[in-house]
Amino acid sequence: MTDREPIEPDADGIDEGKRLIRVGGDKGLSLTERFANQIHRFTWRTPLHALRLRGRFPLKLVAVPEDPMPGDARAGIALLKGEIAWRGETLPIAELDFAKLKVSTPLMAYLHGFGWLRDLATAGTRAAAVPVAESIMRKWLAVHGDTVSDPAWHYDLCARRILLWSAHAPLILSSGDLIYRSAVLNGLARAARHLDRGADRAPPGAARIAAWAGVVAAGLLIPGGQPRRAFGETGFARALDSGFFGDGGLISRSPAALLETIELLAMLRQVYACRRERLFQPAQAALDHAVPALLGMLHGDGAMASWQGGGPLGAERVEAAVAATGVRARPLRQARDWGYQRLAAGSSVVIMDAAPPPVSRLATGGCASTLAFELSDGPHRIVVNCGGAGMGGGWLPQDLAEGLRTTAAHSTLILNDHNSTAIHPDGSLGKGVSAVELDRQENDGGSRVEASHDGYARRFGLIHRRTLNLSADGRELTGADALEPTGRRHRDGVAFALRFHLAPGIEISALADGQGALLRVPGGPVWQFRCTGGMLSTEESLWVDGKARPRGSRQLVISGEALAGGTAIGWVFKRAGQ
């Protein structure tokens, strides 16, 4: 199982010219679909479903695959000391009661998906880790081993349990207690039967891909699993085909979810490897496209950009995931279907959201971020989005996380304090951006992207058009934002605010004419900002880091009023000195 040759996809070149990108009109599940899902989950609690999960349980696993992903050593050390510590939430293991969990949704997934096993394995010796792993496992089995419930038995969490239980079997199956060992193996078999019956009912995209990966893994690792494997690979191919865009991005448009899916496929690759086989070809093809798409989301520090609820997940994690795939590739510069544009020159990287938000049926927690961008200079971030709306935890209260989904939390233009795509009280996305017109050009002078969206057309009769030009040496990013009338009547004097959220620690020094500022980057270069077409001011902001911790920062704001005949705002970020 050697690394593959570097991939040079056609998409690594730039397809110049215009294109119209549209999003499906249905923003969420229909009432019929919602009712059907509720009925299906209700059936989990019926005796019939319990009977379906009964059957022979394996006496052992066919093989034990490796877990190619490193865990969080700090979280693992906390576990060895008797405490679950995760993104600012702490829970003593002695007080852990799976019947009465009162934790955030992300921590709930961490516990039920057994991601903590990876952290525990990273932190200490097997002798030290086994008692902790067995203690938590016994608590989980006592509540959920024989009882199918929500959310513990969500299909994607069942799949992750199968992968992590098998990879870390030495931690949870070393006991001489035969009743306990049987309960663990029976739990594995029951999860597989649960997935057999419902993997296709998992939400499309990352969750459904994970669910079918669990079916395939069970088929490879549980004795007598050949029929399940054949059935699973057929469903897995369907899930991959419907869950990914052709350019390698997930249909949820979430880079964080893409990273998690790549990690899951890398784990499945090891399951095949322990059986001395190559990864299922459609899964390998998905990785071949997904890795360049992921690399296209990285800044100069090697960490990720903040889009669609994700945050700047660290370089070490990204590097480990890419290495585990065996895929070597260049960053994807233009992902038209996934919806991101990457401009890179010199030491500068610009990443732009050039598509409508994901439809609600394909993603929870989608953000109204169309036409926002981020800018970095080598390892230094300059312009950012607040990010982190989907990360949650003790440091990031849910009400604040919801606010981070808004247009104002992204580096783009907001009109009359309205989101470009509506965010409903129930969290779903409403009306707004339905189409983005995109034009990209490359020449000796640099890279140019022009894009427009119709998110303000219905309410205000205005189209937002943004143009970004990155010079060939990467030292200058010139931008223009315009509000253009659509022909529909609208009133004069609609307030606009053009926001540029800055990375934490950047010191802002306003220029005397009130139309510019010097930006001093900690340990980095000085950048100059200039603007025309509005009044420049600064406001407080925040940025959510890779550990889901909000950090205070500042933002530049150009404000003014949109006129009936249209409005234009010009601006430039220019690196000073050498």
Protein backbone atom coordinates (compact mmCIF):
# COMPACT_ATOMS: atom_id res chain seq x y z
CA MET A 1 0.00 0.00 0.00
CA THR A 2 2.36 2.72 -1.20
CA ASP A 3 1.55 6.35 -1.77
CA ARG A 4 0.09 7.16 -5.13
CA GLU A 5 1.75 9.39 -7.68
CA PRO A 6 1.01 13.12 -7.39
CA ILE A 7 -2.33 13.97 -8.93
CA GLU A 8 -2.52 16.80 -11.42
CA PRO A 9 -6.26 17.20 -11.99
CA ASP A 10 -7.61 19.21 -14.88
CA ALA A 11 -9.22 21.49 -12.29
CA ASP A 12 -5.77 22.53 -11.11
CA GLY A 13 -5.75 24.74 -14.19
CA ILE A 14 -8.17 27.67 -14.35
CA ASP A 15 -11.27 27.45 -16.47
CA GLU A 16 -11.57 31.08 -17.46
CA GLY A 17 -14.77 32.84 -18.37
CA LYS A 18 -18.26 33.30 -17.02
CA ARG A 19 -20.53 30.78 -15.40
CA LEU A 20 -23.86 30.97 -13.61
CA ILE A 21 -24.06 28.89 -10.43
CA ARG A 22 -27.52 28.13 -9.07
CA VAL A 23 -28.80 26.46 -5.93
CA GLY A 24 -31.85 24.23 -5.72
CA GLY A 25 -35.05 26.04 -4.82
CA ASP A 26 -36.03 23.72 -1.95
CA LYS A 27 -34.30 25.06 1.13
CA GLY A 28 -35.23 22.26 3.50
CA LEU A 29 -37.00 18.99 4.07
CA SER A 30 -40.63 18.87 3.05
CA LEU A 31 -43.29 18.25 5.69
CA THR A 32 -43.73 14.74 4.29
CA GLU A 33 -40.00 14.03 4.61
CA ARG A 34 -39.87 15.41 8.14
CA PHE A 35 -42.84 13.29 9.17
CA ALA A 36 -41.33 10.19 7.56
CA ASN A 37 -38.04 10.74 9.42
CA GLN A 38 -39.86 11.14 12.72
CA ILE A 39 -41.84 7.94 12.12
CA HIS A 40 -38.65 6.09 11.21
CA ARG A 41 -36.91 7.18 14.40
CA PHE A 42 -39.98 6.23 16.39
CA THR A 43 -39.69 2.68 15.02
CA TRP A 44 -36.25 2.43 16.66
CA ARG A 45 -38.04 2.09 20.00
CA THR A 46 -40.43 -0.64 18.87
CA PRO A 47 -40.02 -4.35 19.68
CA LEU A 48 -39.90 -5.10 15.95
CA HIS A 49 -36.71 -3.10 15.47
CA ALA A 50 -35.18 -4.72 18.56
CA LEU A 51 -35.93 -8.13 17.03
CA ARG A 52 -34.27 -7.08 13.78
CA LEU A 53 -31.04 -6.36 15.65
CA ARG A 54 -30.91 -9.75 17.29
CA GLY A 55 -28.60 -12.43 15.96
CA ARG A 56 -25.37 -14.22 16.54
CA PHE A 57 -22.57 -12.06 17.79
CA PRO A 58 -18.96 -12.62 16.74
CA LEU A 59 -16.52 -14.34 19.08
CA LYS A 60 -13.74 -12.17 17.70
CA LEU A 61 -12.86 -9.80 14.88
CA VAL A 62 -11.35 -11.02 11.63
CA ALA A 63 -8.60 -8.41 11.96
CA VAL A 64 -7.71 -5.25 13.87
CA PRO A 65 -7.00 -2.28 11.59
CA GLU A 66 -4.74 0.61 12.51
CA ASP A 67 -6.13 4.03 13.31
CA PRO A 68 -4.10 6.31 11.01
CA MET A 69 -5.21 9.51 12.75
CA PRO A 70 -3.46 10.85 15.88
CA GLY A 71 -5.59 11.90 18.81
CA ASP A 72 -5.48 14.95 21.05
CA ALA A 73 -2.85 14.19 23.70
CA ARG A 74 -4.20 16.81 26.12
CA ALA A 75 -7.67 15.32 26.01
CA GLY A 76 -6.12 11.88 26.44
CA ILE A 77 -4.12 12.95 29.50
CA ALA A 78 -7.29 14.37 31.03
CA LEU A 79 -8.99 11.01 30.46
CA LEU A 80 -6.15 9.24 32.24
CA LYS A 81 -6.70 11.62 35.15
CA GLY A 82 -10.39 10.75 35.26
CA GLU A 83 -11.94 13.64 33.36
CA ILE A 84 -13.44 14.22 29.94
CA ALA A 85 -12.18 17.63 28.80
CA TRP A 86 -13.34 18.81 25.42
CA ARG A 87 -13.56 22.33 23.98
CA GLY A 88 -14.05 23.95 27.34
CA GLU A 89 -16.51 21.37 28.70
CA THR A 90 -15.41 19.08 31.51
CA LEU A 91 -17.10 15.99 32.88
CA PRO A 92 -15.67 13.68 35.57
CA ILE A 93 -15.74 10.08 34.37
CA ALA A 94 -16.97 8.97 37.80
CA GLU A 95 -20.09 11.13 37.29
CA LEU A 96 -20.65 10.15 33.65
CA ASP A 97 -24.24 9.00 33.17
CA PHE A 98 -25.17 8.23 29.57
CA ALA A 99 -28.84 8.18 30.51
CA LYS A 100 -28.75 11.84 31.59
CA LEU A 101 -26.15 13.54 29.43
CA LYS A 102 -26.40 17.31 29.59
CA VAL A 103 -23.65 18.43 27.23
CA SER A 104 -23.38 20.26 23.92
CA THR A 105 -24.35 18.49 20.71
CA PRO A 106 -20.72 18.27 19.50
CA LEU A 107 -19.59 16.71 22.79
CA MET A 108 -22.53 14.32 22.60
CA ALA A 109 -21.22 13.14 19.21
CA TYR A 110 -17.68 12.87 20.60
CA LEU A 111 -18.90 10.59 23.40
CA HIS A 112 -21.33 8.41 21.43
CA GLY A 113 -19.01 8.22 18.42
CA PHE A 114 -16.13 7.15 20.71
CA GLY A 115 -13.70 9.71 19.32
CA TRP A 116 -12.27 9.83 22.84
CA LEU A 117 -10.74 6.37 22.27
CA ARG A 118 -8.30 7.91 19.81
CA ASP A 119 -7.31 10.60 22.30
CA LEU A 120 -6.86 8.05 25.06
CA ALA A 121 -4.68 5.83 22.86
CA THR A 122 -2.46 8.81 22.03
CA ALA A 123 -1.85 9.88 25.61
CA GLY A 124 -0.55 6.88 27.52
CA THR A 125 0.46 3.26 27.62
CA ARG A 126 -1.99 0.49 26.92
CA ALA A 127 -1.82 -0.63 30.55
CA ALA A 128 -2.83 2.83 31.74
CA ALA A 129 -5.50 3.35 29.07
CA VAL A 130 -7.36 0.02 29.29
CA PRO A 131 -9.04 0.61 32.70
CA VAL A 132 -10.28 4.02 31.58
CA ALA A 133 -11.58 2.72 28.25
CA GLU A 134 -13.33 -0.22 29.91
CA SER A 135 -14.91 2.02 32.55
CA ILE A 136 -16.50 4.34 29.97
CA MET A 137 -17.43 1.43 27.71
CA ARG A 138 -19.29 -0.34 30.52
CA LYS A 139 -21.22 2.84 31.31
CA TRP A 140 -22.22 3.22 27.65
CA LEU A 141 -23.22 -0.43 27.22
CA ALA A 142 -25.36 -0.34 30.37
CA VAL A 143 -27.56 2.38 28.84
CA HIS A 144 -27.27 1.98 25.07
CA GLY A 145 -25.95 -1.52 24.41
CA ASP A 146 -29.42 -3.08 24.05
CA THR A 147 -31.53 0.05 23.61
CA VAL A 148 -31.63 1.92 20.31
CA SER A 149 -32.17 5.61 20.98
CA ASP A 150 -31.61 9.08 19.61
CA PRO A 151 -28.90 10.44 19.26
CA ALA A 152 -26.66 7.55 20.37
CA TRP A 153 -27.76 5.41 17.44
CA HIS A 154 -27.58 8.00 14.68
CA TYR A 155 -26.31 6.14 11.67
CA ASP A 156 -23.09 8.09 11.27
CA LEU A 157 -22.25 7.64 14.96
CA CYS A 158 -22.88 3.90 14.72
CA ALA A 159 -20.45 3.76 11.81
CA ARG A 160 -17.78 5.68 13.69
CA ARG A 161 -18.19 3.33 16.65
CA ILE A 162 -17.60 0.33 14.41
CA LEU A 163 -14.41 1.87 13.00
CA LEU A 164 -13.06 3.09 16.34
CA TRP A 165 -14.04 0.03 18.38
CA SER A 166 -12.27 -2.22 15.87
CA ALA A 167 -9.17 0.00 15.56
CA HIS A 168 -8.85 0.31 19.34
CA ALA A 169 -9.96 -3.20 20.20
CA PRO A 170 -6.88 -3.73 22.42
CA LEU A 171 -8.23 -1.02 24.75
CA ILE A 172 -11.78 -2.33 25.03
CA LEU A 173 -11.41 -6.10 24.50
CA SER A 174 -8.47 -6.93 26.77
CA SER A 175 -10.64 -7.84 29.72
CA GLY A 176 -10.87 -11.41 31.01
CA ASP A 177 -14.54 -10.78 31.78
CA LEU A 178 -16.25 -12.91 29.12
CA ILE A 179 -19.67 -11.35 29.73
CA TYR A 180 -18.26 -7.87 29.15
CA ARG A 181 -16.35 -8.97 26.02
CA SER A 182 -19.51 -10.56 24.66
CA ALA A 183 -21.44 -7.36 25.29
CA VAL A 184 -18.88 -5.32 23.33
CA LEU A 185 -18.89 -7.72 20.37
CA ASN A 186 -22.68 -7.93 20.48
CA GLY A 187 -22.82 -4.13 20.43
CA LEU A 188 -20.65 -4.15 17.34
CA ALA A 189 -22.90 -6.67 15.59
CA ARG A 190 -26.08 -4.80 16.57
CA ALA A 191 -24.67 -1.53 15.20
CA ALA A 192 -23.92 -3.29 11.92
CA ARG A 193 -27.49 -4.64 11.65
CA HIS A 194 -28.85 -1.19 12.49
CA LEU A 195 -26.83 0.25 9.61
CA ASP A 196 -27.88 -2.56 7.26
CA ARG A 197 -31.48 -1.44 7.70
CA GLY A 198 -31.07 2.31 7.71
CA ALA A 199 -27.81 3.63 6.21
CA ASP A 200 -29.69 5.18 3.30
CA ARG A 201 -31.85 7.13 5.75
CA ALA A 202 -28.86 9.07 7.06
CA PRO A 203 -28.77 12.68 5.84
CA PRO A 204 -27.16 12.94 2.39
CA GLY A 205 -23.52 13.87 2.27
CA ALA A 206 -21.03 13.23 5.05
CA ALA A 207 -23.45 11.37 7.37
CA ARG A 208 -24.64 8.96 4.68
CA ILE A 209 -21.10 8.35 3.45
CA ALA A 210 -20.08 7.53 7.03
CA ALA A 211 -23.06 5.21 7.52
CA TRP A 212 -22.28 3.13 4.45
CA ALA A 213 -18.58 3.09 5.33
CA GLY A 214 -19.66 1.48 8.60
CA VAL A 215 -21.57 -1.23 6.73
CA VAL A 216 -18.52 -1.97 4.60
CA ALA A 217 -16.17 -2.01 7.60
CA ALA A 218 -18.47 -4.43 9.44
CA GLY A 219 -18.53 -6.66 6.38
CA LEU A 220 -14.74 -6.76 6.33
CA LEU A 221 -14.17 -7.19 10.08
CA ILE A 222 -17.02 -9.38 11.37
CA PRO A 223 -16.74 -13.10 10.47
CA GLY A 224 -19.04 -14.22 7.65
CA GLY A 225 -19.38 -10.68 6.36
CA GLN A 226 -18.97 -11.20 2.61
CA PRO A 227 -22.69 -10.69 1.76
CA ARG A 228 -22.75 -7.55 3.93
CA ARG A 229 -19.61 -6.26 2.26
CA ALA A 230 -21.09 -6.70 -1.24
CA PHE A 231 -24.33 -5.02 -0.16
CA GLY A 232 -22.39 -2.29 1.64
CA GLU A 233 -20.10 -1.42 -1.24
CA THR A 234 -23.10 -0.98 -3.54
CA GLY A 235 -24.71 1.47 -1.11
CA PHE A 236 -21.37 3.10 -0.38
CA ALA A 237 -20.84 3.86 -4.07
CA ARG A 238 -24.25 5.54 -4.21
CA ALA A 239 -23.53 7.60 -1.11
CA LEU A 240 -20.18 8.77 -2.49
CA ASP A 241 -21.69 9.68 -5.84
CA SER A 242 -24.48 11.74 -4.26
CA GLY A 243 -22.39 13.18 -1.41
CA PHE A 244 -19.53 14.72 -3.39
CA PHE A 245 -19.42 17.29 -6.13
CA GLY A 246 -17.38 16.35 -9.17
CA ASP A 247 -14.55 18.66 -8.06
CA GLY A 248 -14.13 16.85 -4.73
CA GLY A 249 -16.10 19.09 -2.39
CA LEU A 250 -18.90 17.85 -0.16
CA ILE A 251 -22.46 18.88 -1.00
CA SER A 252 -22.68 20.55 2.43
CA ARG A 253 -19.95 22.97 1.27
CA SER A 254 -18.26 22.55 4.66
CA PRO A 255 -14.45 22.22 4.59
CA ALA A 256 -14.50 20.94 8.19
CA ALA A 257 -16.94 18.18 7.21
CA LEU A 258 -14.74 17.40 4.21
CA LEU A 259 -11.74 16.92 6.50
CA GLU A 260 -13.75 14.61 8.77
CA THR A 261 -14.91 12.59 5.76
CA ILE A 262 -11.36 12.28 4.45
CA GLU A 263 -10.28 11.05 7.89
CA LEU A 264 -13.08 8.49 7.87
CA LEU A 265 -12.14 7.25 4.38
CA ALA A 266 -8.51 7.02 5.52
CA MET A 267 -9.66 4.80 8.41
CA LEU A 268 -11.62 2.63 5.99
CA ARG A 269 -8.52 2.39 3.83
CA GLN A 270 -6.77 0.79 6.79
CA VAL A 271 -9.63 -1.68 7.21
CA TYR A 272 -9.05 -2.85 3.64
CA ALA A 273 -5.29 -2.85 4.25
CA CYS A 274 -5.59 -5.17 7.26
CA ARG A 275 -7.36 -7.60 4.91
CA ARG A 276 -4.50 -7.14 2.43
CA GLU A 277 -6.70 -5.38 -0.08
CA ARG A 278 -6.78 -1.99 -1.75
CA LEU A 279 -9.43 0.55 -0.90
CA PHE A 280 -12.74 0.20 -2.76
CA GLN A 281 -12.18 1.98 -6.08
CA PRO A 282 -15.03 4.53 -5.84
CA ALA A 283 -13.76 5.50 -2.38
CA GLN A 284 -10.24 5.91 -3.72
CA ALA A 285 -11.55 8.04 -6.57
CA ALA A 286 -13.40 10.20 -4.04
CA LEU A 287 -10.18 10.69 -2.08
CA ASP A 288 -8.27 11.55 -5.25
CA HIS A 289 -10.62 14.50 -5.78
CA ALA A 290 -11.31 15.39 -2.15
CA VAL A 291 -7.66 15.90 -1.14
CA PRO A 292 -6.96 18.67 -3.71
CA ALA A 293 -10.25 20.33 -2.70
CA LEU A 294 -9.20 20.24 0.96
CA LEU A 295 -5.73 21.60 0.17
CA GLY A 296 -7.40 24.48 -1.64
CA MET A 297 -8.92 25.53 1.70
CA LEU A 298 -5.55 25.99 3.44
CA HIS A 299 -3.80 29.25 4.23
CA GLY A 300 -0.06 29.75 4.40
CA ASP A 301 0.04 28.49 7.99
CA GLY A 302 -1.21 25.10 6.79
CA ALA A 303 -4.47 25.43 8.74
CA MET A 304 -7.93 25.71 7.24
CA ALA A 305 -10.02 28.70 6.30
CA SER A 306 -13.26 29.34 8.19
CA TRP A 307 -16.30 28.52 6.07
CA GLN A 308 -19.78 27.08 6.62
CA GLY A 309 -19.53 26.73 10.38
CA GLY A 310 -15.97 25.40 10.50
CA GLY A 311 -12.86 26.98 11.91
CA PRO A 312 -9.10 27.07 11.29
CA LEU A 313 -8.48 23.41 12.10
CA GLY A 314 -4.77 22.93 12.66
CA ALA A 315 -2.04 22.11 10.18
CA GLU A 316 -0.96 18.96 12.03
CA ARG A 317 -4.39 17.42 11.79
CA VAL A 318 -4.71 18.29 8.11
CA GLU A 319 -1.24 16.94 7.33
CA ALA A 320 -1.99 13.69 9.16
CA ALA A 321 -5.25 13.23 7.28
CA VAL A 322 -3.68 13.86 3.89
CA ALA A 323 -0.75 11.56 4.65
CA ALA A 324 -3.15 8.81 5.73
CA THR A 325 -4.90 8.88 2.36
CA GLY A 326 -1.73 8.17 0.40
CA VAL A 327 -2.80 10.88 -2.06
CA ARG A 328 -0.34 13.55 -3.15
CA ALA A 329 -1.86 16.48 -4.98
CA ARG A 330 -1.77 20.21 -5.56
CA PRO A 331 -4.35 22.56 -4.03
CA LEU A 332 -7.47 22.97 -6.12
CA ARG A 333 -7.57 26.60 -7.19
CA GLN A 334 -11.03 26.68 -8.70
CA ALA A 335 -13.88 24.60 -7.32
CA ARG A 336 -16.83 25.81 -9.34
CA ASP A 337 -19.29 23.19 -8.12
CA TRP A 338 -18.15 23.24 -4.49
CA GLY A 339 -18.10 27.01 -4.79
CA TYR A 340 -14.69 28.25 -3.66
CA GLN A 341 -12.06 30.25 -5.54
CA ARG A 342 -8.40 30.24 -4.47
CA LEU A 343 -6.03 32.99 -5.60
CA ALA A 344 -2.37 32.48 -4.71
CA ALA A 345 0.68 34.55 -5.63
CA GLY A 346 3.94 35.21 -3.84
CA SER A 347 3.27 34.49 -0.17
CA SER A 348 -0.38 35.59 -0.33
CA VAL A 349 -3.47 33.39 -0.44
CA VAL A 350 -7.04 34.59 -1.01
CA ILE A 351 -9.99 32.20 -0.61
CA MET A 352 -13.43 33.37 -1.73
CA ASP A 353 -16.92 31.91 -1.32
CA ALA A 354 -18.33 32.18 -4.84
CA ALA A 355 -21.55 30.15 -4.61
CA PRO A 356 -24.93 30.15 -2.87
CA PRO A 357 -25.12 28.62 0.61
CA PRO A 358 -25.91 24.91 0.83
CA VAL A 359 -29.59 24.00 0.86
CA SER A 360 -30.82 23.07 4.31
CA ARG A 361 -31.55 19.46 3.40
CA LEU A 362 -27.83 19.02 2.71
CA ALA A 363 -26.37 20.84 5.70
CA THR A 364 -27.29 22.01 9.16
CA GLY A 365 -25.83 25.28 10.32
CA GLY A 366 -25.19 26.70 6.86
CA CYS A 367 -23.88 30.27 6.72
CA ALA A 368 -24.93 33.32 4.69
CA SER A 369 -21.38 33.96 3.50
CA THR A 370 -21.68 34.40 -0.28
CA LEU A 371 -18.86 36.58 -1.76
CA ALA A 372 -16.93 36.76 1.51
CA PHE A 373 -13.15 36.19 1.38
CA GLU A 374 -10.12 35.53 3.57
CA LEU A 375 -6.55 36.80 3.01
CA SER A 376 -3.28 35.53 4.42
CA ASP A 377 0.39 36.42 3.94
CA GLY A 378 2.60 33.40 4.57
CA PRO A 379 1.83 32.14 8.09
CA HIS A 380 0.00 35.37 8.97
CA ARG A 381 -3.74 35.76 8.57
CA ILE A 382 -4.89 39.24 7.62
CA VAL A 383 -8.60 39.17 6.70
CA VAL A 384 -10.71 36.38 8.18
CA ASN A 385 -14.28 35.31 8.79
CA CYS A 386 -15.42 34.88 12.38
CA GLY A 387 -16.03 31.16 11.75
CA GLY A 388 -16.82 28.42 14.24
CA ALA A 389 -20.63 28.44 14.06
CA GLY A 390 -20.75 24.65 13.94
CA MET A 391 -17.98 23.91 16.42
CA GLY A 392 -19.76 24.52 19.73
CA GLY A 393 -18.53 23.57 23.18
CA GLY A 394 -18.04 25.21 26.54
CA TRP A 395 -16.13 28.18 25.15
CA LEU A 396 -18.69 28.93 22.46
CA PRO A 397 -22.29 29.33 23.69
CA GLN A 398 -24.98 28.22 21.28
CA ASP A 399 -26.55 31.69 20.91
CA LEU A 400 -23.16 33.12 19.94
CA ALA A 401 -22.55 30.23 17.53
CA GLU A 402 -25.84 31.00 15.79
CA GLY A 403 -24.79 34.63 15.37
CA LEU A 404 -21.63 33.50 13.62
CA ARG A 405 -23.72 32.13 10.75
CA THR A 406 -24.82 35.63 9.69
CA THR A 407 -23.52 37.68 6.78
CA ALA A 408 -22.17 40.25 9.25
CA ALA A 409 -19.83 37.60 10.69
CA HIS A 410 -18.10 37.29 7.30
CA SER A 411 -15.83 39.61 5.36
CA THR A 412 -18.32 40.85 2.80
CA LEU A 413 -21.04 43.45 2.25
CA ILE A 414 -24.26 43.47 4.26
CA LEU A 415 -27.25 45.57 3.23
CA ASN A 416 -29.58 47.20 5.77
CA ASP A 417 -28.37 44.72 8.40
CA HIS A 418 -30.06 41.84 6.53
CA ASN A 419 -28.45 38.51 5.75
CA SER A 420 -27.87 37.79 2.08
CA THR A 421 -29.67 34.50 2.72
CA ALA A 422 -32.26 34.38 5.49
CA ILE A 423 -31.57 32.30 8.60
CA HIS A 424 -34.79 31.11 10.21
CA PRO A 425 -35.32 30.76 13.98
CA ASP A 426 -35.29 26.95 13.61
CA GLY A 427 -31.80 27.18 12.07
CA SER A 428 -32.81 26.45 8.48
CA LEU A 429 -31.88 28.70 5.59
CA GLY A 430 -34.59 30.66 3.83
CA LYS A 431 -34.83 32.85 0.77
CA GLY A 432 -31.87 34.82 -0.48
CA VAL A 433 -29.01 33.92 -2.78
CA SER A 434 -30.24 31.58 -5.49
CA ALA A 435 -27.70 32.32 -8.20
CA VAL A 436 -24.08 33.50 -8.44
CA GLU A 437 -22.56 34.73 -11.69
CA LEU A 438 -18.83 34.07 -11.78
CA ASP A 439 -16.04 35.21 -14.10
CA ARG A 440 -12.36 34.36 -13.54
CA GLN A 441 -9.38 35.54 -15.57
CA GLU A 442 -5.63 34.88 -15.30
CA ASN A 443 -2.87 36.92 -16.94
CA ASP A 444 0.67 38.11 -16.36
CA GLY A 445 -0.66 40.82 -14.06
CA GLY A 446 -2.25 38.36 -11.63
CA SER A 447 -5.59 36.72 -10.93
CA ARG A 448 -9.01 38.34 -11.19
CA VAL A 449 -12.35 37.03 -9.96
CA GLU A 450 -15.63 38.85 -10.49
CA ALA A 451 -18.80 37.46 -8.94
CA SER A 452 -22.29 38.68 -8.17
CA HIS A 453 -25.22 37.36 -6.17
CA ASP A 454 -28.95 38.05 -6.08
CA GLY A 455 -29.45 37.76 -2.33
CA TYR A 456 -30.68 41.37 -2.01
CA ALA A 457 -32.59 41.52 -5.28
CA ARG A 458 -36.02 40.49 -3.98
CA ARG A 459 -36.07 42.75 -0.90
CA PHE A 460 -34.03 45.74 -2.08
CA GLY A 461 -33.86 45.48 -5.87
CA LEU A 462 -30.05 45.40 -5.79
CA ILE A 463 -27.39 42.97 -6.98
CA HIS A 464 -24.12 42.73 -5.04
CA ARG A 465 -21.11 42.47 -7.36
CA ARG A 466 -17.58 41.94 -6.03
CA THR A 467 -14.30 41.97 -7.94
CA LEU A 468 -10.99 40.78 -6.48
CA ASN A 469 -7.61 41.31 -8.19
CA LEU A 470 -4.50 39.72 -6.67
CA SER A 471 -1.26 41.02 -8.19
CA ALA A 472 1.27 38.61 -9.68
CA ASP A 473 3.65 39.13 -6.76
CA GLY A 474 0.90 38.76 -4.16
CA ARG A 475 1.65 42.11 -2.56
CA GLU A 476 -1.59 43.85 -3.50
CA LEU A 477 -5.24 42.80 -3.33
CA THR A 478 -7.53 45.28 -5.03
CA GLY A 479 -11.26 45.01 -4.56
CA ALA A 480 -14.44 46.66 -5.80
CA ASP A 481 -17.93 46.15 -4.42
CA ALA A 482 -20.94 47.46 -6.29
CA LEU A 483 -24.67 47.53 -5.62
CA GLU A 484 -26.41 47.52 -8.98
CA PRO A 485 -30.15 48.07 -9.55
CA THR A 486 -32.10 45.17 -11.02
CA GLY A 487 -34.86 47.30 -12.50
CA ARG A 488 -37.19 46.68 -9.57
CA ARG A 489 -38.20 49.78 -7.65
CA HIS A 490 -36.36 50.41 -4.42
CA ARG A 491 -35.83 53.29 -2.10
CA ASP A 492 -32.76 55.51 -1.78
CA GLY A 493 -30.72 55.58 1.37
CA VAL A 494 -30.53 51.87 2.22
CA ALA A 495 -27.60 51.48 4.60
CA PHE A 496 -24.72 49.21 3.68
CA ALA A 497 -21.71 48.02 5.66
CA LEU A 498 -18.68 46.45 4.02
CA ARG A 499 -16.89 44.42 6.71
CA PHE A 500 -13.29 43.17 6.83
CA HIS A 501 -12.76 41.07 9.96
CA LEU A 502 -9.10 41.04 10.95
CA ALA A 503 -7.10 38.30 12.60
CA PRO A 504 -6.50 38.67 16.36
CA GLY A 505 -3.56 40.82 17.37
CA ILE A 506 -3.47 43.03 14.27
CA GLU A 507 -2.91 46.64 15.33
CA ILE A 508 -4.88 49.26 13.39
CA SER A 509 -3.52 52.78 12.94
CA ALA A 510 -5.97 55.09 11.16
CA LEU A 511 -4.57 57.43 8.51
CA ALA A 512 -5.14 61.18 8.81
CA ASP A 513 -7.55 61.45 5.86
CA GLY A 514 -9.95 58.90 7.37
CA GLN A 515 -9.87 56.74 4.24
CA GLY A 516 -7.18 54.28 5.20
CA ALA A 517 -5.26 52.49 7.92
CA LEU A 518 -1.99 50.73 8.59
CA LEU A 519 -2.30 47.13 9.74
CA ARG A 520 0.60 45.89 11.85
CA VAL A 521 0.64 42.10 11.95
CA PRO A 522 2.24 40.55 15.07
CA GLY A 523 5.63 39.22 14.02
CA GLY A 524 4.78 39.88 10.39
CA PRO A 525 4.61 42.52 7.69
CA VAL A 526 2.75 45.83 7.65
CA TRP A 527 -0.18 46.10 5.28
CA GLN A 528 -1.83 49.32 4.16
CA PHE A 529 -5.57 49.59 3.58
CA ARG A 530 -7.25 52.31 1.49
CA CYS A 531 -10.88 52.78 0.45
CA THR A 532 -13.25 55.07 -1.45
CA GLY A 533 -17.02 55.27 -1.62
CA GLY A 534 -17.86 55.22 2.08
CA MET A 535 -16.84 56.15 5.59
CA LEU A 536 -14.16 54.01 7.21
CA SER A 537 -14.37 53.03 10.87
CA THR A 538 -13.28 50.20 13.14
CA GLU A 539 -15.37 47.97 15.35
CA GLU A 540 -14.87 45.07 17.71
CA SER A 541 -14.98 41.56 16.29
CA LEU A 542 -14.04 38.03 17.25
CA TRP A 543 -12.41 35.03 15.63
CA VAL A 544 -12.97 31.41 16.65
CA ASP A 545 -9.70 29.48 16.67
CA GLY A 546 -9.12 25.82 15.85
CA LYS A 547 -10.02 24.74 19.40
CA ALA A 548 -13.40 26.54 19.26
CA ARG A 549 -12.19 29.38 21.51
CA PRO A 550 -13.51 32.88 20.67
CA ARG A 551 -10.72 35.42 20.55
CA GLY A 552 -11.17 39.16 20.48
CA SER A 553 -10.21 41.02 17.31
CA ARG A 554 -11.09 44.13 15.29
CA GLN A 555 -12.75 44.80 11.96
CA LEU A 556 -12.59 47.52 9.34
CA VAL A 557 -16.02 48.75 8.28
CA ILE A 558 -16.86 50.88 5.24
CA SER A 559 -20.36 52.25 5.65
CA GLY A 560 -22.68 54.39 3.57
CA GLU A 561 -26.04 54.47 1.81
CA ALA A 562 -26.98 52.70 -1.41
CA LEU A 563 -28.49 54.97 -4.07
CA ALA A 564 -31.23 54.09 -6.54
CA GLY A 565 -28.83 54.41 -9.46
CA GLY A 566 -26.25 52.13 -7.89
CA THR A 567 -23.29 52.43 -5.54
CA ALA A 568 -19.60 51.57 -5.91
CA ILE A 569 -16.99 51.07 -3.19
CA GLY A 570 -13.31 50.61 -3.93
CA TRP A 571 -10.60 49.32 -1.61
CA VAL A 572 -7.10 47.88 -1.60
CA PHE A 573 -4.85 45.91 0.75
CA LYS A 574 -1.19 46.55 -0.07
CA ARG A 575 1.86 45.11 1.63
CA ALA A 576 4.31 47.80 2.72
CA GLY A 577 8.11 47.51 2.56
CA GLN A 578 9.99 44.44 1.41
